Amino acid sequence: MQTQNRILDDMAKVASSAMGAAAGMRGEIEARVREQFERILSQMDVVPREEFEAMKAVAVKAREVGEDLADKVTALEARLSALEASTSSTTATAKKTSTKTTVKNDKAEG
């Protein structure tokens, strides 16, 4: 009976060692695969995640600034149109007044 226990103990030790070796090989294989992927990615000239996130933030900020500027331009165009309209109406009123005055002066002279 002890012979069987000893054989089983030895087999368990061998299996345990094999599992430890397999785990070590797994770690080494993962490291090699990771190195290979990094080499491939560096050759493909892919942008790192940090740079991508930084440029994304810059693009969002630029879009916000552009939208703000567009709003300001729209407001300025509205103000300019209002000023031009008031200037046009003032000019038209002045022309009418000037024409009436000229007509009165012509009648008075004639």
C-alpha atoms as a PDB file:
ATOM      1  CA  MET A   1       0.000   0.000   0.000  1.00  0.00           C
ATOM      2  CA  GLN A   2       2.820   2.376   0.736  1.00  0.00           C
ATOM      3  CA  THR A   3       4.306   1.662  -2.634  1.00  0.00           C
ATOM      4  CA  GLN A   4       1.202   2.989  -4.319  1.00  0.00           C
ATOM      5  CA  ASN A   5       1.187   6.106  -2.170  1.00  0.00           C
ATOM      6  CA  ARG A   6       4.801   6.727  -2.966  1.00  0.00           C
ATOM      7  CA  ILE A   7       4.225   6.276  -6.676  1.00  0.00           C
ATOM      8  CA  LEU A   8       1.236   8.608  -6.530  1.00  0.00           C
ATOM      9  CA  ASP A   9       3.258  11.150  -4.559  1.00  0.00           C
ATOM     10  CA  ASP A  10       6.049  10.996  -7.131  1.00  0.00           C
ATOM     11  CA  MET A  11       3.565  11.358  -9.975  1.00  0.00           C
ATOM     12  CA  ALA A  12       1.959  14.324  -8.216  1.00  0.00           C
ATOM     13  CA  LYS A  13       5.384  15.968  -7.819  1.00  0.00           C
ATOM     14  CA  VAL A  14       6.180  15.394 -11.501  1.00  0.00           C
ATOM     15  CA  ALA A  15       2.773  16.754 -12.543  1.00  0.00           C
ATOM     16  CA  SER A  16       3.229  19.758 -10.258  1.00  0.00           C
ATOM     17  CA  SER A  17       6.672  20.457 -11.711  1.00  0.00           C
ATOM     18  CA  ALA A  18       5.295  20.091 -15.212  1.00  0.00           C
ATOM     19  CA  MET A  19       2.526  22.553 -14.420  1.00  0.00           C
ATOM     20  CA  GLY A  20       5.063  25.022 -13.016  1.00  0.00           C
ATOM     21  CA  ALA A  21       7.212  24.638 -16.115  1.00  0.00           C
ATOM     22  CA  ALA A  22       4.139  25.064 -18.332  1.00  0.00           C
ATOM     23  CA  ALA A  23       3.202  28.245 -16.457  1.00  0.00           C
ATOM     24  CA  GLY A  24       6.751  29.566 -16.915  1.00  0.00           C
ATOM     25  CA  MET A  25       6.656  28.709 -20.611  1.00  0.00           C
ATOM     26  CA  ARG A  26       3.282  30.413 -20.897  1.00  0.00           C
ATOM     27  CA  GLY A  27       4.713  33.616 -19.426  1.00  0.00           C
ATOM     28  CA  GLU A  28       7.705  33.454 -21.747  1.00  0.00           C
ATOM     29  CA  ILE A  29       5.516  32.825 -24.789  1.00  0.00           C
ATOM     30  CA  GLU A  30       3.284  35.769 -23.878  1.00  0.00           C
ATOM     31  CA  ALA A  31       6.340  38.006 -23.537  1.00  0.00           C
ATOM     32  CA  ARG A  32       7.653  36.918 -26.949  1.00  0.00           C
ATOM     33  CA  VAL A  33       4.271  37.432 -28.601  1.00  0.00           C
ATOM     34  CA  ARG A  34       3.982  40.878 -27.012  1.00  0.00           C
ATOM     35  CA  GLU A  35       7.471  41.801 -28.282  1.00  0.00           C
ATOM     36  CA  GLN A  36       6.526  40.604 -31.754  1.00  0.00           C
ATOM     37  CA  PHE A  37       3.326  42.683 -31.743  1.00  0.00           C
ATOM     38  CA  GLU A  38       5.203  45.759 -30.560  1.00  0.00           C
ATOM     39  CA  ARG A  39       7.754  45.293 -33.328  1.00  0.00           C
ATOM     40  CA  ILE A  40       4.994  44.957 -35.933  1.00  0.00           C
ATOM     41  CA  LEU A  41       3.147  47.995 -34.593  1.00  0.00           C
ATOM     42  CA  SER A  42       6.295  50.112 -34.610  1.00  0.00           C
ATOM     43  CA  GLN A  43       6.895  49.169 -38.242  1.00  0.00           C
ATOM     44  CA  MET A  44       3.292  50.069 -39.100  1.00  0.00           C
ATOM     45  CA  ASP A  45       3.838  53.550 -37.661  1.00  0.00           C
ATOM     46  CA  VAL A  46       0.765  53.338 -35.429  1.00  0.00           C
ATOM     47  CA  VAL A  47       0.102  56.214 -33.024  1.00  0.00           C
ATOM     48  CA  PRO A  48       0.351  55.390 -29.312  1.00  0.00           C
ATOM     49  CA  ARG A  49      -2.846  55.672 -27.281  1.00  0.00           C
ATOM     50  CA  GLU A  50      -1.555  58.612 -25.227  1.00  0.00           C
ATOM     51  CA  GLU A  51      -0.817  60.671 -28.344  1.00  0.00           C
ATOM     52  CA  PHE A  52      -4.216  59.786 -29.795  1.00  0.00           C
ATOM     53  CA  GLU A  53      -6.012  60.910 -26.633  1.00  0.00           C
ATOM     54  CA  ALA A  54      -3.998  64.148 -26.542  1.00  0.00           C
ATOM     55  CA  MET A  55      -4.834  64.968 -30.163  1.00  0.00           C
ATOM     56  CA  LYS A  56      -8.465  64.069 -29.565  1.00  0.00           C
ATOM     57  CA  ALA A  57      -8.587  66.619 -26.734  1.00  0.00           C
ATOM     58  CA  VAL A  58      -6.965  69.238 -28.992  1.00  0.00           C
ATOM     59  CA  ALA A  59      -9.533  68.544 -31.729  1.00  0.00           C
ATOM     60  CA  VAL A  60     -12.438  68.852 -29.292  1.00  0.00           C
ATOM     61  CA  LYS A  61     -11.070  72.167 -28.010  1.00  0.00           C
ATOM     62  CA  ALA A  62     -10.576  73.444 -31.571  1.00  0.00           C
ATOM     63  CA  ARG A  63     -14.141  72.480 -32.478  1.00  0.00           C
ATOM     64  CA  GLU A  64     -15.484  74.351 -29.421  1.00  0.00           C
ATOM     65  CA  VAL A  65     -13.458  77.447 -30.288  1.00  0.00           C
ATOM     66  CA  GLY A  66     -14.644  77.260 -33.900  1.00  0.00           C
ATOM     67  CA  GLU A  67     -18.275  77.013 -32.811  1.00  0.00           C
ATOM     68  CA  ASP A  68     -17.810  79.990 -30.464  1.00  0.00           C
ATOM     69  CA  LEU A  69     -16.274  82.028 -33.282  1.00  0.00           C
ATOM     70  CA  ALA A  70     -19.108  81.070 -35.623  1.00  0.00           C
ATOM     71  CA  ASP A  71     -21.623  82.259 -33.031  1.00  0.00           C
ATOM     72  CA  LYS A  72     -19.744  85.543 -32.619  1.00  0.00           C
ATOM     73  CA  VAL A  73     -19.610  86.081 -36.391  1.00  0.00           C
ATOM     74  CA  THR A  74     -23.360  85.435 -36.640  1.00  0.00           C
ATOM     75  CA  ALA A  75     -24.030  87.941 -33.853  1.00  0.00           C
ATOM     76  CA  LEU A  76     -21.761  90.525 -35.486  1.00  0.00           C
ATOM     77  CA  GLU A  77     -23.454  90.023 -38.868  1.00  0.00           C
ATOM     78  CA  ALA A  78     -26.838  90.569 -37.219  1.00  0.00           C
ATOM     79  CA  ARG A  79     -25.604  93.766 -35.560  1.00  0.00           C
ATOM     80  CA  LEU A  80     -24.114  94.960 -38.850  1.00  0.00           C
ATOM     81  CA  SER A  81     -27.370  94.292 -40.685  1.00  0.00           C
ATOM     82  CA  ALA A  82     -29.282  96.190 -38.012  1.00  0.00           C
ATOM     83  CA  LEU A  83     -26.856  99.127 -38.264  1.00  0.00           C
ATOM     84  CA  GLU A  84     -27.074  99.133 -42.045  1.00  0.00           C
ATOM     85  CA  ALA A  85     -30.856  99.030 -41.879  1.00  0.00           C
ATOM     86  CA  SER A  86     -30.986 101.927 -39.435  1.00  0.00           C
ATOM     87  CA  THR A  87     -28.459 103.859 -41.526  1.00  0.00           C
ATOM     88  CA  SER A  88     -30.456 103.177 -44.685  1.00  0.00           C
ATOM     89  CA  SER A  89     -33.695 104.330 -43.102  1.00  0.00           C
ATOM     90  CA  THR A  90     -31.963 107.444 -41.729  1.00  0.00           C
ATOM     91  CA  THR A  91     -30.464 108.157 -45.147  1.00  0.00           C
ATOM     92  CA  ALA A  92     -33.815 107.615 -46.859  1.00  0.00           C
ATOM     93  CA  THR A  93     -35.509 109.956 -44.372  1.00  0.00           C
ATOM     94  CA  ALA A  94     -32.783 112.533 -44.923  1.00  0.00           C
ATOM     95  CA  LYS A  95     -33.195 112.267 -48.709  1.00  0.00           C
ATOM     96  CA  LYS A  96     -36.959 112.715 -48.446  1.00  0.00           C
ATOM     97  CA  THR A  97     -36.492 115.730 -46.203  1.00  0.00           C
ATOM     98  CA  SER A  98     -33.851 117.129 -48.550  1.00  0.00           C
ATOM     99  CA  THR A  99     -36.089 116.589 -51.573  1.00  0.00           C
ATOM    100  CA  LYS A 100     -39.048 118.302 -49.881  1.00  0.00           C
ATOM    101  CA  THR A 101     -36.839 121.218 -48.891  1.00  0.00           C
ATOM    102  CA  THR A 102     -35.510 121.528 -52.442  1.00  0.00           C
ATOM    103  CA  VAL A 103     -39.025 121.418 -53.860  1.00  0.00           C
ATOM    104  CA  LYS A 104     -40.168 124.105 -51.407  1.00  0.00           C
ATOM    105  CA  ASN A 105     -37.145 126.241 -52.223  1.00  0.00           C
ATOM    106  CA  ASP A 106     -37.782 125.845 -55.956  1.00  0.00           C
ATOM    107  CA  LYS A 107     -41.402 126.867 -55.528  1.00  0.00           C
ATOM    108  CA  ALA A 108     -40.425 129.800 -53.401  1.00  0.00           C
ATOM    109  CA  GLU A 109     -37.890 130.997 -55.983  1.00  0.00           C
ATOM    110  CA  GLY A 110     -40.141 130.456 -58.949  1.00  0.00           C
END
